């Protein structure tokens, strides 16, 4: 490829298209159960603590009890 297209060397100075240290694969090509298992076991697999930072549902505010109708009179 580099012989056929000399300008490729500018974009890939190391002469390779692959990083050599990282790999990503779509879960669509893998077994669904294996993907699901990996997702559910990430905490154990990577030995990390997962922080639950999902947004909680906001509740409707209760009536303000600090304000009384008598104070308005």
C-alpha atoms as a PDB file:
ATOM      1  CA  UNK A   1       0.000   0.000   0.000  1.00  0.00           C
ATOM      2  CA  UNK A   2       2.796   2.425   0.919  1.00  0.00           C
ATOM      3  CA  UNK A   3       4.653   1.673  -2.318  1.00  0.00           C
ATOM      4  CA  UNK A   4       1.531   2.256  -4.381  1.00  0.00           C
ATOM      5  CA  UNK A   5       0.543   5.449  -2.532  1.00  0.00           C
ATOM      6  CA  UNK A   6       3.651   7.283  -1.234  1.00  0.00           C
ATOM      7  CA  UNK A   7       1.623  10.000   0.520  1.00  0.00           C
ATOM      8  CA  UNK A   8       0.216   7.396   2.905  1.00  0.00           C
ATOM      9  CA  UNK A   9       3.559   7.557   4.706  1.00  0.00           C
ATOM     10  CA  UNK A  10       2.683  11.102   5.823  1.00  0.00           C
ATOM     11  CA  UNK A  11      -0.527   9.919   7.415  1.00  0.00           C
ATOM     12  CA  UNK A  12       0.928   6.683   8.807  1.00  0.00           C
ATOM     13  CA  UNK A  13       4.600   7.449   9.558  1.00  0.00           C
ATOM     14  CA  UNK A  14       5.139   4.168  11.416  1.00  0.00           C
ATOM     15  CA  UNK A  15       4.115   2.187   8.350  1.00  0.00           C
ATOM     16  CA  UNK A  16       1.108   0.567   9.973  1.00  0.00           C
ATOM     17  CA  UNK A  17      -2.651   1.094  10.055  1.00  0.00           C
ATOM     18  CA  UNK A  18      -3.099  -0.527  13.482  1.00  0.00           C
ATOM     19  CA  UNK A  19      -2.265   0.906  16.869  1.00  0.00           C
ATOM     20  CA  UNK A  20      -1.116  -2.427  18.264  1.00  0.00           C
ATOM     21  CA  UNK A  21      -2.458  -1.836  21.763  1.00  0.00           C
ATOM     22  CA  UNK A  22      -6.185  -1.305  21.556  1.00  0.00           C
ATOM     23  CA  UNK A  23      -9.039  -3.240  20.010  1.00  0.00           C
ATOM     24  CA  UNK A  24     -12.743  -2.406  19.750  1.00  0.00           C
ATOM     25  CA  UNK A  25     -15.357  -4.704  18.328  1.00  0.00           C
ATOM     26  CA  UNK A  26     -19.045  -4.158  17.755  1.00  0.00           C
ATOM     27  CA  UNK A  27     -21.255  -6.282  19.964  1.00  0.00           C
ATOM     28  CA  UNK A  28     -23.388  -6.980  16.909  1.00  0.00           C
ATOM     29  CA  UNK A  29     -20.734  -9.387  15.666  1.00  0.00           C
ATOM     30  CA  UNK A  30     -20.341 -11.174  18.960  1.00  0.00           C
ATOM     31  CA  UNK A  31     -22.544 -13.606  20.796  1.00  0.00           C
ATOM     32  CA  UNK A  32     -25.302 -11.636  22.552  1.00  0.00           C
ATOM     33  CA  UNK A  33     -24.985 -13.603  25.799  1.00  0.00           C
ATOM     34  CA  UNK A  34     -21.225 -13.066  25.939  1.00  0.00           C
ATOM     35  CA  UNK A  35     -21.707  -9.327  25.413  1.00  0.00           C
ATOM     36  CA  UNK A  36     -24.427  -9.132  28.049  1.00  0.00           C
ATOM     37  CA  UNK A  37     -22.285 -11.081  30.509  1.00  0.00           C
ATOM     38  CA  UNK A  38     -19.321  -8.769  29.912  1.00  0.00           C
ATOM     39  CA  UNK A  39     -21.433  -5.668  30.469  1.00  0.00           C
ATOM     40  CA  UNK A  40     -22.920  -7.037  33.686  1.00  0.00           C
ATOM     41  CA  UNK A  41     -19.524  -8.223  34.968  1.00  0.00           C
ATOM     42  CA  UNK A  42     -17.455  -5.101  34.157  1.00  0.00           C
ATOM     43  CA  UNK A  43     -17.095  -4.150  37.799  1.00  0.00           C
ATOM     44  CA  UNK A  44     -15.613  -7.545  38.655  1.00  0.00           C
ATOM     45  CA  UNK A  45     -13.641  -7.889  35.404  1.00  0.00           C
ATOM     46  CA  UNK A  46     -11.887  -4.507  35.694  1.00  0.00           C
ATOM     47  CA  UNK A  47     -11.738  -4.503  39.518  1.00  0.00           C
ATOM     48  CA  UNK A  48     -13.425  -1.107  39.739  1.00  0.00           C
ATOM     49  CA  UNK A  49     -16.229   0.503  41.697  1.00  0.00           C
ATOM     50  CA  UNK A  50     -19.108   1.686  39.537  1.00  0.00           C
ATOM     51  CA  UNK A  51     -20.647   4.958  40.653  1.00  0.00           C
ATOM     52  CA  UNK A  52     -24.419   5.125  40.277  1.00  0.00           C
ATOM     53  CA  UNK A  53     -24.798   8.608  38.876  1.00  0.00           C
ATOM     54  CA  UNK A  54     -28.068   8.109  37.058  1.00  0.00           C
ATOM     55  CA  UNK A  55     -30.473  10.989  37.302  1.00  0.00           C
ATOM     56  CA  UNK A  56     -33.204  10.385  39.819  1.00  0.00           C
ATOM     57  CA  UNK A  57     -36.807  11.277  39.052  1.00  0.00           C
ATOM     58  CA  UNK A  58     -37.719  14.617  40.538  1.00  0.00           C
ATOM     59  CA  UNK A  59     -40.723  14.532  42.827  1.00  0.00           C
ATOM     60  CA  UNK A  60     -43.466  17.121  42.800  1.00  0.00           C
ATOM     61  CA  UNK A  61     -42.874  19.784  45.430  1.00  0.00           C
ATOM     62  CA  UNK A  62     -45.094  19.613  48.468  1.00  0.00           C
ATOM     63  CA  UNK A  63     -47.132  22.584  49.605  1.00  0.00           C
ATOM     64  CA  UNK A  64     -44.983  25.167  51.354  1.00  0.00           C
ATOM     65  CA  UNK A  65     -45.823  24.818  55.042  1.00  0.00           C
ATOM     66  CA  UNK A  66     -43.768  27.861  56.037  1.00  0.00           C
ATOM     67  CA  UNK A  67     -46.365  30.141  54.493  1.00  0.00           C
ATOM     68  CA  UNK A  68     -49.733  30.300  56.164  1.00  0.00           C
ATOM     69  CA  UNK A  69     -52.892  31.880  54.863  1.00  0.00           C
ATOM     70  CA  UNK A  70     -53.210  33.907  58.086  1.00  0.00           C
ATOM     71  CA  UNK A  71     -49.919  35.700  57.404  1.00  0.00           C
ATOM     72  CA  UNK A  72     -51.407  37.097  54.221  1.00  0.00           C
ATOM     73  CA  UNK A  73     -54.231  38.851  56.114  1.00  0.00           C
END
